[in-house]
């Protein structure tokens, strides 16, 4: 079986079925890994462990396999390395500065996880003349307040990186003032 299985997302189970041309048993150990919240572990066959990456970068986790068959144990362990990708989170402010009606809302979303993509949705908001919209990255749209009050406009961001999508939708709220006089 491969020694470099496909990467997984933080919080998902690592399933790996070791194989050999000679039928036998497979014992594994995994040391504590910096950036992974799991304690050291060991077992046989498939680890089936849910690994949690506590960093904003991919972390490699090594499983050392010992293979035995017919009363003989291979003296050289086999290292199986799986990459555990982080779940990206929003690091930019969820409450950017207020804007004036009929001006552009510019917001640059950021994440500590390199390669993060940002998809956003804005629903119809009572008091804002714009219809609902969606896009990626910076909304860069002109918002028009049709009331005499400040209106809060929420943008719902979904973040993804390295094939991992954050299941928690981040809400960014901008206040749209009628005037800035």
Foldseek 3Di string as FASTA:
>chain_A
DDLEDEAEEQQAWQWDFDDDPADWWKKKWWDDFPQWPDHTDIDTGTPRDRIHGNDLAKGKTWIWIWTDDPRDIDPHTRIRIHIYHYAWDWPDDLEDEAEEAQAWQWDFTDTPRPAKKKKKWWDDDPQWPDHIDIDIGTPRDHIHGNDQAKGKTWIWIWIDGPRHTDPDIRIRIHIYHHGDD
